[in-house]
Amino acid sequence: MVRRPLLRLLCVLATIASLSLPARADGIAENAREVARLDAAWSDSALKRDPDLLASCYAEDAVVYPSDDVLIKGRDAARRYWGGGFASDPSVQVSGKTERAEVSAGGDRGCAGGSYPLPFKGPDGKMIEQHGKTLPI
């Protein structure tokens, strides 16, 4: 059957590709450590509930895609968004966990992927915990 040799070839190529970058115990390649550090800095800033510190993690031309909300464009808009969220609900506590970080072959682009819990008070006053995924680029 033609599919089996092709499948084997794809498995071999995937294995070779996964070995091309040295990974640390946390699964993040050495060349992506700075991307992971920046992503962790965002999470630390969010836990402090400081909109200025949090906004400093965004590029001047950042685009943020919040769940169930409008698109946020720019560092200043991100500052206002987070500041308003923190002020309107003291129970909001944002944190994230970097699970993957990568850098392009040219080294000029990086991304990190992770997940977050977002506990907040619902309209009835009961705590709700939203779970989501992140992909900062």
C-alpha atoms as a PDB file:
ATOM      1  CA  MET A   1       0.000   0.000   0.000  1.00  0.00           C
ATOM      2  CA  VAL A   2       1.370   3.427  -0.950  1.00  0.00           C
ATOM      3  CA  ARG A   3       0.120   5.129   2.226  1.00  0.00           C
ATOM      4  CA  ARG A   4       2.347   3.202   4.628  1.00  0.00           C
ATOM      5  CA  PRO A   5       5.708   4.265   3.108  1.00  0.00           C
ATOM      6  CA  LEU A   6       4.441   7.836   2.928  1.00  0.00           C
ATOM      7  CA  LEU A   7       3.263   7.693   6.537  1.00  0.00           C
ATOM      8  CA  ARG A   8       6.631   6.271   7.626  1.00  0.00           C
ATOM      9  CA  LEU A   9       8.465   9.001   5.733  1.00  0.00           C
ATOM     10  CA  LEU A  10       6.319  11.685   7.385  1.00  0.00           C
ATOM     11  CA  CYS A  11       6.976  10.165  10.824  1.00  0.00           C
ATOM     12  CA  VAL A  12      10.729  10.114  10.175  1.00  0.00           C
ATOM     13  CA  LEU A  13      10.697  13.729   8.946  1.00  0.00           C
ATOM     14  CA  ALA A  14       8.662  14.836  11.954  1.00  0.00           C
ATOM     15  CA  THR A  15      11.110  13.111  14.281  1.00  0.00           C
ATOM     16  CA  ILE A  16      14.104  14.718  12.578  1.00  0.00           C
ATOM     17  CA  ALA A  17      12.429  18.139  12.741  1.00  0.00           C
ATOM     18  CA  SER A  18      11.709  17.733  16.431  1.00  0.00           C
ATOM     19  CA  LEU A  19      15.362  16.896  17.079  1.00  0.00           C
ATOM     20  CA  SER A  20      16.714  19.892  15.165  1.00  0.00           C
ATOM     21  CA  LEU A  21      16.321  22.296  18.097  1.00  0.00           C
ATOM     22  CA  PRO A  22      17.605  21.368  21.530  1.00  0.00           C
ATOM     23  CA  ALA A  23      14.735  21.363  24.010  1.00  0.00           C
ATOM     24  CA  ARG A  24      15.050  21.951  27.721  1.00  0.00           C
ATOM     25  CA  ALA A  25      13.287  19.936  30.379  1.00  0.00           C
ATOM     26  CA  ASP A  26      10.273  22.265  30.079  1.00  0.00           C
ATOM     27  CA  GLY A  27      10.021  21.479  26.354  1.00  0.00           C
ATOM     28  CA  ILE A  28      11.048  24.955  25.176  1.00  0.00           C
ATOM     29  CA  ALA A  29      13.971  25.129  22.749  1.00  0.00           C
ATOM     30  CA  GLU A  30      16.993  27.125  23.848  1.00  0.00           C
ATOM     31  CA  ASN A  31      16.555  29.701  21.069  1.00  0.00           C
ATOM     32  CA  ALA A  32      12.992  30.440  22.268  1.00  0.00           C
ATOM     33  CA  ARG A  33      13.821  31.104  25.933  1.00  0.00           C
ATOM     34  CA  GLU A  34      13.506  34.893  25.532  1.00  0.00           C
ATOM     35  CA  VAL A  35      10.049  34.517  23.959  1.00  0.00           C
ATOM     36  CA  ALA A  36       8.987  32.328  26.900  1.00  0.00           C
ATOM     37  CA  ARG A  37      10.480  34.850  29.356  1.00  0.00           C
ATOM     38  CA  LEU A  38       8.481  37.698  27.810  1.00  0.00           C
ATOM     39  CA  ASP A  39       5.306  35.625  27.939  1.00  0.00           C
ATOM     40  CA  ALA A  40       5.938  34.845  31.629  1.00  0.00           C
ATOM     41  CA  ALA A  41       6.547  38.566  32.277  1.00  0.00           C
ATOM     42  CA  TRP A  42       3.091  39.296  30.845  1.00  0.00           C
ATOM     43  CA  SER A  43       1.531  36.747  33.208  1.00  0.00           C
ATOM     44  CA  ASP A  44       3.416  38.154  36.203  1.00  0.00           C
ATOM     45  CA  SER A  45       2.278  41.682  35.282  1.00  0.00           C
ATOM     46  CA  ALA A  46      -1.321  40.533  34.956  1.00  0.00           C
ATOM     47  CA  LEU A  47      -1.227  38.924  38.400  1.00  0.00           C
ATOM     48  CA  LYS A  48      -0.119  42.283  39.841  1.00  0.00           C
ATOM     49  CA  ARG A  49      -3.207  43.896  38.263  1.00  0.00           C
ATOM     50  CA  ASP A  50      -1.094  46.836  37.111  1.00  0.00           C
ATOM     51  CA  PRO A  51      -2.368  48.070  33.715  1.00  0.00           C
ATOM     52  CA  ASP A  52       0.762  50.171  33.065  1.00  0.00           C
ATOM     53  CA  LEU A  53       3.101  47.276  33.765  1.00  0.00           C
ATOM     54  CA  LEU A  54       0.897  44.940  31.748  1.00  0.00           C
ATOM     55  CA  ALA A  55       0.741  47.353  28.805  1.00  0.00           C
ATOM     56  CA  SER A  56       4.535  47.547  28.770  1.00  0.00           C
ATOM     57  CA  CYS A  57       4.499  43.905  27.629  1.00  0.00           C
ATOM     58  CA  TYR A  58       2.681  44.861  24.416  1.00  0.00           C
ATOM     59  CA  ALA A  59       4.219  46.283  21.248  1.00  0.00           C
ATOM     60  CA  GLU A  60       3.120  49.799  20.341  1.00  0.00           C
ATOM     61  CA  ASP A  61       1.078  48.337  17.434  1.00  0.00           C
ATOM     62  CA  ALA A  62      -0.193  45.237  19.304  1.00  0.00           C
ATOM     63  CA  VAL A  63      -3.537  43.673  18.483  1.00  0.00           C
ATOM     64  CA  VAL A  64      -5.356  41.866  21.292  1.00  0.00           C
ATOM     65  CA  TYR A  65      -8.252  39.488  20.693  1.00  0.00           C
ATOM     66  CA  PRO A  66     -10.136  39.295  24.012  1.00  0.00           C
ATOM     67  CA  SER A  67     -12.817  36.632  24.452  1.00  0.00           C
ATOM     68  CA  ASP A  68     -16.336  37.904  23.859  1.00  0.00           C
ATOM     69  CA  ASP A  69     -15.192  41.497  23.333  1.00  0.00           C
ATOM     70  CA  VAL A  70     -14.087  43.910  20.623  1.00  0.00           C
ATOM     71  CA  LEU A  71     -10.626  43.894  19.058  1.00  0.00           C
ATOM     72  CA  ILE A  72      -8.052  45.952  20.990  1.00  0.00           C
ATOM     73  CA  LYS A  73      -5.483  47.829  18.872  1.00  0.00           C
ATOM     74  CA  GLY A  74      -2.336  49.361  20.309  1.00  0.00           C
ATOM     75  CA  ARG A  75      -0.513  49.486  23.638  1.00  0.00           C
ATOM     76  CA  ASP A  76      -2.586  52.392  24.985  1.00  0.00           C
ATOM     77  CA  ALA A  77      -5.841  50.616  24.137  1.00  0.00           C
ATOM     78  CA  ALA A  78      -4.546  47.480  25.895  1.00  0.00           C
ATOM     79  CA  ARG A  79      -3.729  49.600  28.970  1.00  0.00           C
ATOM     80  CA  ARG A  80      -7.260  51.028  29.014  1.00  0.00           C
ATOM     81  CA  TYR A  81      -8.830  47.614  28.442  1.00  0.00           C
ATOM     82  CA  TRP A  82      -6.978  45.911  31.296  1.00  0.00           C
ATOM     83  CA  GLY A  83      -7.282  48.925  33.589  1.00  0.00           C
ATOM     84  CA  GLY A  84     -11.045  49.029  33.051  1.00  0.00           C
ATOM     85  CA  GLY A  85     -11.359  45.295  33.634  1.00  0.00           C
ATOM     86  CA  PHE A  86      -9.355  45.376  36.838  1.00  0.00           C
ATOM     87  CA  ALA A  87     -11.260  48.423  38.130  1.00  0.00           C
ATOM     88  CA  SER A  88     -14.716  47.052  37.333  1.00  0.00           C
ATOM     89  CA  ASP A  89     -14.207  43.647  38.961  1.00  0.00           C
ATOM     90  CA  PRO A  90     -11.746  43.239  41.850  1.00  0.00           C
ATOM     91  CA  SER A  91     -12.192  39.452  41.629  1.00  0.00           C
ATOM     92  CA  VAL A  92     -10.585  39.274  38.163  1.00  0.00           C
ATOM     93  CA  GLN A  93      -7.244  37.553  38.415  1.00  0.00           C
ATOM     94  CA  VAL A  94      -5.482  36.817  35.148  1.00  0.00           C
ATOM     95  CA  SER A  95      -2.578  34.428  34.889  1.00  0.00           C
ATOM     96  CA  GLY A  96      -1.160  32.242  32.197  1.00  0.00           C
ATOM     97  CA  LYS A  97       1.171  29.346  31.654  1.00  0.00           C
ATOM     98  CA  THR A  98       3.601  29.235  28.749  1.00  0.00           C
ATOM     99  CA  GLU A  99       3.437  25.763  27.285  1.00  0.00           C
ATOM    100  CA  ARG A 100       5.274  26.304  24.032  1.00  0.00           C
ATOM    101  CA  ALA A 101       7.576  28.927  22.547  1.00  0.00           C
ATOM    102  CA  GLU A 102       9.182  29.030  19.119  1.00  0.00           C
ATOM    103  CA  VAL A 103      11.395  31.277  17.032  1.00  0.00           C
ATOM    104  CA  SER A 104      11.428  31.413  13.236  1.00  0.00           C
ATOM    105  CA  ALA A 105      14.418  29.969  11.371  1.00  0.00           C
ATOM    106  CA  GLY A 106      15.548  33.529  10.604  1.00  0.00           C
ATOM    107  CA  GLY A 107      15.283  34.468  14.260  1.00  0.00           C
ATOM    108  CA  ASP A 108      13.176  37.555  13.544  1.00  0.00           C
ATOM    109  CA  ARG A 109       9.807  36.241  14.741  1.00  0.00           C
ATOM    110  CA  GLY A 110       8.685  34.356  17.786  1.00  0.00           C
ATOM    111  CA  CYS A 111       5.496  33.080  19.300  1.00  0.00           C
ATOM    112  CA  ALA A 112       4.409  31.471  22.515  1.00  0.00           C
ATOM    113  CA  GLY A 113       1.402  29.334  23.219  1.00  0.00           C
ATOM    114  CA  GLY A 114      -0.246  28.636  26.507  1.00  0.00           C
ATOM    115  CA  SER A 115      -3.372  28.463  28.550  1.00  0.00           C
ATOM    116  CA  TYR A 116      -4.998  30.501  31.272  1.00  0.00           C
ATOM    117  CA  PRO A 117      -7.688  30.370  33.896  1.00  0.00           C
ATOM    118  CA  LEU A 118      -9.682  33.585  34.306  1.00  0.00           C
ATOM    119  CA  PRO A 119     -11.830  33.666  37.445  1.00  0.00           C
ATOM    120  CA  PHE A 120     -14.352  36.492  37.750  1.00  0.00           C
ATOM    121  CA  LYS A 121     -17.746  37.258  39.258  1.00  0.00           C
ATOM    122  CA  GLY A 122     -20.732  36.594  37.025  1.00  0.00           C
ATOM    123  CA  PRO A 123     -23.847  38.795  36.862  1.00  0.00           C
ATOM    124  CA  ASP A 124     -25.368  36.837  39.753  1.00  0.00           C
ATOM    125  CA  GLY A 125     -22.288  37.410  41.935  1.00  0.00           C
ATOM    126  CA  LYS A 126     -21.135  33.796  41.728  1.00  0.00           C
ATOM    127  CA  MET A 127     -17.562  33.059  40.683  1.00  0.00           C
ATOM    128  CA  ILE A 128     -17.040  31.818  37.134  1.00  0.00           C
ATOM    129  CA  GLU A 129     -13.748  30.449  35.845  1.00  0.00           C
ATOM    130  CA  GLN A 130     -13.176  30.821  32.134  1.00  0.00           C
ATOM    131  CA  HIS A 131     -10.381  28.786  30.541  1.00  0.00           C
ATOM    132  CA  GLY A 132      -8.704  29.794  27.332  1.00  0.00           C
ATOM    133  CA  LYS A 133      -5.605  29.608  25.210  1.00  0.00           C
ATOM    134  CA  THR A 134      -3.121  32.285  24.228  1.00  0.00           C
ATOM    135  CA  LEU A 135      -0.924  32.791  21.178  1.00  0.00           C
ATOM    136  CA  PRO A 136       1.195  35.948  21.501  1.00  0.00           C
ATOM    137  CA  ILE A 137       3.322  36.608  18.418  1.00  0.00           C
END
